[in-house]
Amino acid sequence: MNLMASAGPDPSQRSTNNSTAAVRASAVDGGIKRKPFLLRPAAKVLLFALCLLPFWWLFYGAWANTLGPNPAEAIIRASGDWTLRFLCITLAVSPLRQWTGMPALARFRRMLGLFAFFYVVMHFLSYSWLDQSFDIGAIVRDIIKRPFILVGTAGLLLMALLAATSFNRAIKAMGAARWQMLHRAIYAIALLGLLHFFWMRAAKNDFAEVTVYAAVIAALLGWRMKRALAKLGAGTTI
């Protein structure tokens, strides 16, 4: 009779069982401790695809002739609308980080800002091509003649400056303080975009959408102003 069998399990077998249990526990824990989705590369890929949806919708609409009786105007207006929307979304990242307790949202701010620039370039190129046939003289005269186009062009130039300095190399070259100072120009850009939209709608006396955008931008800038006043003298930045 094997006395070890009646006395209990072999210590080496117990060690093996413990190791197996530890591996299983580690696998379970691994499922819990996996990197959050917002921190994975796939999150940026998904966001990139989502940000391109308006472009592909306009591209398909132009190809399939589903943009209404005036496709050129539909493309110009829609690309301008999406510029303003992406500006609002970009400005919303910081408040959402605080309200949701998800600091990983900051990873997407640069991409969202660059997509705002992508759509404003699309907006200006659509206007230059479909409305002005790339006639440089006519474009310049139109910018000077019509204030809402002048304001929009000023916003485009500022956005180009921010897009050109949005990369890490620019931050190192300029220094973090000067870079942050420059990139606060996004607040002025949002206001210029809103004014551009307001003057365009004023010709048709249609201010419903303008009011919505104004409320959103006021809330986003108001949050920053309140935070800045609360930290006044603390030497912190927003």
C-alpha atoms as a PDB file:
ATOM      1  CA  MET A   1       0.000   0.000   0.000  1.00  0.00           C
ATOM      2  CA  ASN A   2       1.260   3.413  -0.961  1.00  0.00           C
ATOM      3  CA  LEU A   3       1.275   5.439   2.245  1.00  0.00           C
ATOM      4  CA  MET A   4       1.865   8.716   0.365  1.00  0.00           C
ATOM      5  CA  ALA A   5      -1.443   8.341  -1.424  1.00  0.00           C
ATOM      6  CA  SER A   6      -3.338   8.129   1.851  1.00  0.00           C
ATOM      7  CA  ALA A   7      -1.331  10.883   3.463  1.00  0.00           C
ATOM      8  CA  GLY A   8      -2.219  13.531   0.791  1.00  0.00           C
ATOM      9  CA  PRO A   9      -1.099  14.811  -2.619  1.00  0.00           C
ATOM     10  CA  ASP A  10       2.524  14.760  -3.662  1.00  0.00           C
ATOM     11  CA  PRO A  11       4.171  18.166  -2.896  1.00  0.00           C
ATOM     12  CA  SER A  12       5.501  18.363  -6.449  1.00  0.00           C
ATOM     13  CA  GLN A  13       2.005  17.728  -7.818  1.00  0.00           C
ATOM     14  CA  ARG A  14       0.616  20.385  -5.459  1.00  0.00           C
ATOM     15  CA  SER A  15       3.215  22.846  -6.799  1.00  0.00           C
ATOM     16  CA  THR A  16       2.161  22.027 -10.365  1.00  0.00           C
ATOM     17  CA  ASN A  17      -1.500  22.513  -9.501  1.00  0.00           C
ATOM     18  CA  ASN A  18      -0.707  25.827  -7.832  1.00  0.00           C
ATOM     19  CA  SER A  19       1.190  26.971 -10.920  1.00  0.00           C
ATOM     20  CA  THR A  20      -1.710  25.998 -13.172  1.00  0.00           C
ATOM     21  CA  ALA A  21      -4.145  27.853 -10.940  1.00  0.00           C
ATOM     22  CA  ALA A  22      -1.847  30.875 -10.971  1.00  0.00           C
ATOM     23  CA  VAL A  23      -1.712  30.834 -14.777  1.00  0.00           C
ATOM     24  CA  ARG A  24      -5.509  30.626 -14.945  1.00  0.00           C
ATOM     25  CA  ALA A  25      -5.861  33.437 -12.433  1.00  0.00           C
ATOM     26  CA  SER A  26      -3.349  35.454 -14.414  1.00  0.00           C
ATOM     27  CA  ALA A  27      -5.376  34.879 -17.566  1.00  0.00           C
ATOM     28  CA  VAL A  28      -8.511  36.042 -15.802  1.00  0.00           C
ATOM     29  CA  ASP A  29      -6.706  39.029 -14.349  1.00  0.00           C
ATOM     30  CA  GLY A  30      -5.212  39.694 -17.751  1.00  0.00           C
ATOM     31  CA  GLY A  31      -8.717  40.034 -19.126  1.00  0.00           C
ATOM     32  CA  ILE A  32      -9.475  42.606 -16.450  1.00  0.00           C
ATOM     33  CA  LYS A  33      -6.200  44.502 -16.707  1.00  0.00           C
ATOM     34  CA  ARG A  34      -6.043  44.676 -20.488  1.00  0.00           C
ATOM     35  CA  LYS A  35      -5.213  48.103 -21.895  1.00  0.00           C
ATOM     36  CA  PRO A  36      -8.395  50.224 -22.218  1.00  0.00           C
ATOM     37  CA  PHE A  37      -9.679  50.536 -25.774  1.00  0.00           C
ATOM     38  CA  LEU A  38      -8.994  54.277 -25.898  1.00  0.00           C
ATOM     39  CA  LEU A  39      -5.279  53.551 -25.367  1.00  0.00           C
ATOM     40  CA  ARG A  40      -5.043  50.969 -28.139  1.00  0.00           C
ATOM     41  CA  PRO A  41      -3.884  51.790 -31.692  1.00  0.00           C
ATOM     42  CA  ALA A  42      -7.218  50.505 -32.997  1.00  0.00           C
ATOM     43  CA  ALA A  43      -8.997  53.431 -31.325  1.00  0.00           C
ATOM     44  CA  LYS A  44      -7.147  55.951 -33.491  1.00  0.00           C
ATOM     45  CA  VAL A  45      -7.770  53.863 -36.606  1.00  0.00           C
ATOM     46  CA  LEU A  46     -11.485  53.775 -35.818  1.00  0.00           C
ATOM     47  CA  LEU A  47     -11.614  57.519 -35.157  1.00  0.00           C
ATOM     48  CA  PHE A  48      -9.742  58.218 -38.405  1.00  0.00           C
ATOM     49  CA  ALA A  49     -12.297  56.170 -40.355  1.00  0.00           C
ATOM     50  CA  LEU A  50     -15.209  57.911 -38.629  1.00  0.00           C
ATOM     51  CA  CYS A  51     -13.756  61.358 -39.336  1.00  0.00           C
ATOM     52  CA  LEU A  52     -13.583  60.523 -43.045  1.00  0.00           C
ATOM     53  CA  LEU A  53     -17.259  59.551 -43.268  1.00  0.00           C
ATOM     54  CA  PRO A  54     -18.480  63.090 -44.150  1.00  0.00           C
ATOM     55  CA  PHE A  55     -15.914  63.271 -46.965  1.00  0.00           C
ATOM     56  CA  TRP A  56     -16.953  59.925 -48.401  1.00  0.00           C
ATOM     57  CA  TRP A  57     -20.634  60.869 -48.067  1.00  0.00           C
ATOM     58  CA  LEU A  58     -20.020  64.035 -50.128  1.00  0.00           C
ATOM     59  CA  PHE A  59     -17.815  62.176 -52.602  1.00  0.00           C
ATOM     60  CA  TYR A  60     -20.464  59.496 -53.139  1.00  0.00           C
ATOM     61  CA  GLY A  61     -23.228  62.110 -53.312  1.00  0.00           C
ATOM     62  CA  ALA A  62     -21.366  64.010 -56.026  1.00  0.00           C
ATOM     63  CA  TRP A  63     -20.696  60.789 -57.959  1.00  0.00           C
ATOM     64  CA  ALA A  64     -24.255  59.460 -57.590  1.00  0.00           C
ATOM     65  CA  ASN A  65     -25.837  62.894 -58.064  1.00  0.00           C
ATOM     66  CA  THR A  66     -27.752  62.724 -54.773  1.00  0.00           C
ATOM     67  CA  LEU A  67     -26.779  66.141 -53.382  1.00  0.00           C
ATOM     68  CA  GLY A  68     -29.859  67.951 -54.643  1.00  0.00           C
ATOM     69  CA  PRO A  69     -30.414  70.480 -57.417  1.00  0.00           C
ATOM     70  CA  ASN A  70     -27.218  72.408 -56.610  1.00  0.00           C
ATOM     71  CA  PRO A  71     -24.443  69.912 -55.798  1.00  0.00           C
ATOM     72  CA  ALA A  72     -21.727  72.583 -55.791  1.00  0.00           C
ATOM     73  CA  GLU A  73     -23.471  74.592 -53.094  1.00  0.00           C
ATOM     74  CA  ALA A  74     -24.181  71.412 -51.108  1.00  0.00           C
ATOM     75  CA  ILE A  75     -20.468  70.472 -51.093  1.00  0.00           C
ATOM     76  CA  ILE A  76     -19.327  73.978 -50.162  1.00  0.00           C
ATOM     77  CA  ARG A  77     -21.872  74.324 -47.357  1.00  0.00           C
ATOM     78  CA  ALA A  78     -21.425  70.794 -45.981  1.00  0.00           C
ATOM     79  CA  SER A  79     -17.627  71.035 -45.858  1.00  0.00           C
ATOM     80  CA  GLY A  80     -17.965  74.356 -44.012  1.00  0.00           C
ATOM     81  CA  ASP A  81     -20.451  72.845 -41.569  1.00  0.00           C
ATOM     82  CA  TRP A  82     -18.097  69.952 -40.826  1.00  0.00           C
ATOM     83  CA  THR A  83     -15.235  72.352 -40.243  1.00  0.00           C
ATOM     84  CA  LEU A  84     -17.230  74.083 -37.521  1.00  0.00           C
ATOM     85  CA  ARG A  85     -18.350  70.756 -36.068  1.00  0.00           C
ATOM     86  CA  PHE A  86     -14.806  69.439 -35.833  1.00  0.00           C
ATOM     87  CA  LEU A  87     -13.680  72.666 -34.194  1.00  0.00           C
ATOM     88  CA  CYS A  88     -16.389  72.176 -31.569  1.00  0.00           C
ATOM     89  CA  ILE A  89     -15.466  68.526 -31.085  1.00  0.00           C
ATOM     90  CA  THR A  90     -11.788  69.432 -30.697  1.00  0.00           C
ATOM     91  CA  LEU A  91     -12.624  72.078 -28.099  1.00  0.00           C
ATOM     92  CA  ALA A  92     -14.827  69.568 -26.286  1.00  0.00           C
ATOM     93  CA  VAL A  93     -11.966  67.137 -25.618  1.00  0.00           C
ATOM     94  CA  SER A  94     -10.624  68.917 -22.507  1.00  0.00           C
ATOM     95  CA  PRO A  95     -14.010  69.320 -20.773  1.00  0.00           C
ATOM     96  CA  LEU A  96     -14.908  65.721 -21.590  1.00  0.00           C
ATOM     97  CA  ARG A  97     -11.619  64.522 -20.085  1.00  0.00           C
ATOM     98  CA  GLN A  98     -12.519  66.216 -16.824  1.00  0.00           C
ATOM     99  CA  TRP A  99     -16.195  65.291 -16.741  1.00  0.00           C
ATOM    100  CA  THR A 100     -15.713  61.623 -17.688  1.00  0.00           C
ATOM    101  CA  GLY A 101     -12.420  61.022 -15.869  1.00  0.00           C
ATOM    102  CA  MET A 102     -10.906  59.631 -19.086  1.00  0.00           C
ATOM    103  CA  PRO A 103      -7.536  61.342 -19.680  1.00  0.00           C
ATOM    104  CA  ALA A 104      -6.943  59.034 -22.665  1.00  0.00           C
ATOM    105  CA  LEU A 105      -9.270  61.266 -24.702  1.00  0.00           C
ATOM    106  CA  ALA A 106      -6.361  63.706 -25.061  1.00  0.00           C
ATOM    107  CA  ARG A 107      -4.779  61.249 -27.532  1.00  0.00           C
ATOM    108  CA  PHE A 108      -7.389  62.186 -30.123  1.00  0.00           C
ATOM    109  CA  ARG A 109      -7.285  65.978 -29.878  1.00  0.00           C
ATOM    110  CA  ARG A 110      -4.535  66.431 -32.481  1.00  0.00           C
ATOM    111  CA  MET A 111      -6.267  64.180 -34.999  1.00  0.00           C
ATOM    112  CA  LEU A 112      -9.586  65.971 -34.514  1.00  0.00           C
ATOM    113  CA  GLY A 113      -7.925  69.355 -34.967  1.00  0.00           C
ATOM    114  CA  LEU A 114      -6.195  68.187 -38.149  1.00  0.00           C
ATOM    115  CA  PHE A 115      -9.504  66.933 -39.504  1.00  0.00           C
ATOM    116  CA  ALA A 116     -10.997  70.374 -38.832  1.00  0.00           C
ATOM    117  CA  PHE A 117      -8.172  71.736 -40.994  1.00  0.00           C
ATOM    118  CA  PHE A 118      -8.809  69.040 -43.625  1.00  0.00           C
ATOM    119  CA  TYR A 119     -12.445  70.082 -43.954  1.00  0.00           C
ATOM    120  CA  VAL A 120     -11.695  73.826 -44.021  1.00  0.00           C
ATOM    121  CA  VAL A 121      -9.207  73.211 -46.861  1.00  0.00           C
ATOM    122  CA  MET A 122     -11.871  71.162 -48.626  1.00  0.00           C
ATOM    123  CA  HIS A 123     -14.339  74.018 -48.018  1.00  0.00           C
ATOM    124  CA  PHE A 124     -12.009  76.629 -49.512  1.00  0.00           C
ATOM    125  CA  LEU A 125     -10.979  74.457 -52.461  1.00  0.00           C
ATOM    126  CA  SER A 126     -14.621  73.648 -53.214  1.00  0.00           C
ATOM    127  CA  TYR A 127     -15.443  77.363 -53.202  1.00  0.00           C
ATOM    128  CA  SER A 128     -12.378  78.186 -55.335  1.00  0.00           C
ATOM    129  CA  TRP A 129     -13.145  75.444 -57.862  1.00  0.00           C
ATOM    130  CA  LEU A 130     -16.925  75.121 -58.005  1.00  0.00           C
ATOM    131  CA  ASP A 131     -17.815  78.781 -57.416  1.00  0.00           C
ATOM    132  CA  GLN A 132     -14.801  80.658 -58.843  1.00  0.00           C
ATOM    133  CA  SER A 133     -13.266  78.154 -61.301  1.00  0.00           C
ATOM    134  CA  PHE A 134      -9.864  78.734 -59.673  1.00  0.00           C
ATOM    135  CA  ASP A 135      -9.788  82.316 -60.970  1.00  0.00           C
ATOM    136  CA  ILE A 136      -7.269  83.823 -58.517  1.00  0.00           C
ATOM    137  CA  GLY A 137      -8.226  87.409 -59.365  1.00  0.00           C
ATOM    138  CA  ALA A 138     -11.917  86.701 -58.832  1.00  0.00           C
ATOM    139  CA  ILE A 139     -11.205  84.920 -55.554  1.00  0.00           C
ATOM    140  CA  VAL A 140      -9.141  87.838 -54.228  1.00  0.00           C
ATOM    141  CA  ARG A 141     -11.804  90.355 -55.248  1.00  0.00           C
ATOM    142  CA  ASP A 142     -14.504  88.236 -53.607  1.00  0.00           C
ATOM    143  CA  ILE A 143     -12.508  87.987 -50.372  1.00  0.00           C
ATOM    144  CA  ILE A 144     -12.097  91.768 -50.264  1.00  0.00           C
ATOM    145  CA  LYS A 145     -15.695  92.456 -51.268  1.00  0.00           C
ATOM    146  CA  ARG A 146     -17.527  90.106 -48.925  1.00  0.00           C
ATOM    147  CA  PRO A 147     -16.716  90.323 -45.196  1.00  0.00           C
ATOM    148  CA  PHE A 148     -17.880  86.794 -44.370  1.00  0.00           C
ATOM    149  CA  ILE A 149     -15.391  85.357 -46.871  1.00  0.00           C
ATOM    150  CA  LEU A 150     -12.644  87.614 -45.501  1.00  0.00           C
ATOM    151  CA  VAL A 151     -13.331  86.352 -41.965  1.00  0.00           C
ATOM    152  CA  GLY A 152     -13.410  82.759 -43.156  1.00  0.00           C
ATOM    153  CA  THR A 153     -10.101  83.188 -44.977  1.00  0.00           C
ATOM    154  CA  ALA A 154      -8.509  84.638 -41.842  1.00  0.00           C
ATOM    155  CA  GLY A 155      -9.672  81.556 -39.936  1.00  0.00           C
ATOM    156  CA  LEU A 156      -8.235  79.297 -42.652  1.00  0.00           C
ATOM    157  CA  LEU A 157      -4.821  80.979 -42.445  1.00  0.00           C
ATOM    158  CA  LEU A 158      -4.742  80.637 -38.664  1.00  0.00           C
ATOM    159  CA  MET A 159      -5.729  76.986 -38.917  1.00  0.00           C
ATOM    160  CA  ALA A 160      -2.940  76.418 -41.439  1.00  0.00           C
ATOM    161  CA  LEU A 161      -0.470  77.843 -38.926  1.00  0.00           C
ATOM    162  CA  LEU A 162      -1.749  75.539 -36.177  1.00  0.00           C
ATOM    163  CA  ALA A 163      -1.727  72.500 -38.472  1.00  0.00           C
ATOM    164  CA  ALA A 164       1.860  73.241 -39.529  1.00  0.00           C
ATOM    165  CA  THR A 165       2.970  73.380 -35.881  1.00  0.00           C
ATOM    166  CA  SER A 166       0.871  70.530 -34.542  1.00  0.00           C
ATOM    167  CA  PHE A 167       3.676  67.979 -34.451  1.00  0.00           C
ATOM    168  CA  ASN A 168       6.125  67.079 -31.685  1.00  0.00           C
ATOM    169  CA  ARG A 169       9.089  68.521 -33.565  1.00  0.00           C
ATOM    170  CA  ALA A 170       7.387  71.932 -33.624  1.00  0.00           C
ATOM    171  CA  ILE A 171       6.749  71.741 -29.875  1.00  0.00           C
ATOM    172  CA  LYS A 172      10.432  71.063 -29.242  1.00  0.00           C
ATOM    173  CA  ALA A 173      11.541  73.806 -31.621  1.00  0.00           C
ATOM    174  CA  MET A 174       9.202  76.456 -30.195  1.00  0.00           C
ATOM    175  CA  GLY A 175       9.202  75.425 -26.557  1.00  0.00           C
ATOM    176  CA  ALA A 176       6.094  74.215 -24.771  1.00  0.00           C
ATOM    177  CA  ALA A 177       5.046  77.645 -23.419  1.00  0.00           C
ATOM    178  CA  ARG A 178       5.207  79.442 -26.766  1.00  0.00           C
ATOM    179  CA  TRP A 179       3.584  76.478 -28.522  1.00  0.00           C
ATOM    180  CA  GLN A 180       0.665  76.493 -26.082  1.00  0.00           C
ATOM    181  CA  MET A 181       0.286  80.241 -26.491  1.00  0.00           C
ATOM    182  CA  LEU A 182       0.110  79.876 -30.277  1.00  0.00           C
ATOM    183  CA  HIS A 183      -2.351  77.015 -30.174  1.00  0.00           C
ATOM    184  CA  ARG A 184      -4.761  78.969 -28.033  1.00  0.00           C
ATOM    185  CA  ALA A 185      -5.536  80.669 -31.336  1.00  0.00           C
ATOM    186  CA  ILE A 186      -8.075  77.874 -31.774  1.00  0.00           C
ATOM    187  CA  TYR A 187     -10.408  79.961 -29.589  1.00  0.00           C
ATOM    188  CA  ALA A 188     -10.168  82.877 -32.042  1.00  0.00           C
ATOM    189  CA  ILE A 189     -10.582  80.454 -34.945  1.00  0.00           C
ATOM    190  CA  ALA A 190     -13.814  79.096 -33.468  1.00  0.00           C
ATOM    191  CA  LEU A 191     -15.159  82.634 -33.083  1.00  0.00           C
ATOM    192  CA  LEU A 192     -14.111  83.557 -36.635  1.00  0.00           C
ATOM    193  CA  GLY A 193     -15.814  80.424 -37.929  1.00  0.00           C
ATOM    194  CA  LEU A 194     -18.966  81.312 -36.036  1.00  0.00           C
ATOM    195  CA  LEU A 195     -18.906  84.884 -37.380  1.00  0.00           C
ATOM    196  CA  HIS A 196     -18.344  83.571 -40.912  1.00  0.00           C
ATOM    197  CA  PHE A 197     -21.358  81.287 -40.520  1.00  0.00           C
ATOM    198  CA  PHE A 198     -23.476  84.075 -38.982  1.00  0.00           C
ATOM    199  CA  TRP A 199     -22.807  86.533 -41.817  1.00  0.00           C
ATOM    200  CA  MET A 200     -23.489  83.851 -44.425  1.00  0.00           C
ATOM    201  CA  ARG A 201     -26.827  82.981 -42.808  1.00  0.00           C
ATOM    202  CA  ALA A 202     -27.722  86.650 -42.320  1.00  0.00           C
ATOM    203  CA  ALA A 203     -28.275  86.969 -46.068  1.00  0.00           C
ATOM    204  CA  LYS A 204     -31.106  84.437 -45.742  1.00  0.00           C
ATOM    205  CA  ASN A 205     -32.229  85.593 -42.293  1.00  0.00           C
ATOM    206  CA  ASP A 206     -31.782  82.032 -41.018  1.00  0.00           C
ATOM    207  CA  PHE A 207     -30.109  81.882 -37.617  1.00  0.00           C
ATOM    208  CA  ALA A 208     -31.372  78.575 -36.179  1.00  0.00           C
ATOM    209  CA  GLU A 209     -28.136  76.623 -36.735  1.00  0.00           C
ATOM    210  CA  VAL A 210     -26.029  79.660 -35.858  1.00  0.00           C
ATOM    211  CA  THR A 211     -27.709  79.799 -32.455  1.00  0.00           C
ATOM    212  CA  VAL A 212     -26.887  76.145 -31.772  1.00  0.00           C
ATOM    213  CA  TYR A 213     -23.226  76.560 -32.685  1.00  0.00           C
ATOM    214  CA  ALA A 214     -23.025  79.808 -30.717  1.00  0.00           C
ATOM    215  CA  ALA A 215     -24.398  78.069 -27.621  1.00  0.00           C
ATOM    216  CA  VAL A 216     -21.945  75.163 -27.953  1.00  0.00           C
ATOM    217  CA  ILE A 217     -18.920  77.420 -28.495  1.00  0.00           C
ATOM    218  CA  ALA A 218     -19.992  79.747 -25.672  1.00  0.00           C
ATOM    219  CA  ALA A 219     -20.246  76.762 -23.312  1.00  0.00           C
ATOM    220  CA  LEU A 220     -16.842  75.393 -24.333  1.00  0.00           C
ATOM    221  CA  LEU A 221     -15.064  78.743 -24.063  1.00  0.00           C
ATOM    222  CA  GLY A 222     -16.980  79.608 -20.897  1.00  0.00           C
ATOM    223  CA  TRP A 223     -15.734  76.405 -19.268  1.00  0.00           C
ATOM    224  CA  ARG A 224     -12.166  77.423 -20.060  1.00  0.00           C
ATOM    225  CA  MET A 225     -12.671  80.956 -18.801  1.00  0.00           C
ATOM    226  CA  LYS A 226     -14.163  79.704 -15.546  1.00  0.00           C
ATOM    227  CA  ARG A 227     -11.260  77.297 -15.107  1.00  0.00           C
ATOM    228  CA  ALA A 228      -8.706  79.997 -15.861  1.00  0.00           C
ATOM    229  CA  LEU A 229     -10.275  82.368 -13.338  1.00  0.00           C
ATOM    230  CA  ALA A 230     -10.323  79.611 -10.717  1.00  0.00           C
ATOM    231  CA  LYS A 231      -6.604  79.009 -11.249  1.00  0.00           C
ATOM    232  CA  LEU A 232      -5.643  82.650 -11.585  1.00  0.00           C
ATOM    233  CA  GLY A 233      -2.266  83.199 -10.010  1.00  0.00           C
ATOM    234  CA  ALA A 234      -1.567  79.487  -9.655  1.00  0.00           C
ATOM    235  CA  GLY A 235       0.734  79.448 -12.656  1.00  0.00           C
ATOM    236  CA  THR A 236      -1.178  76.639 -14.400  1.00  0.00           C
ATOM    237  CA  THR A 237      -2.384  76.493 -17.985  1.00  0.00           C
ATOM    238  CA  ILE A 238      -5.596  75.363 -19.580  1.00  0.00           C
END
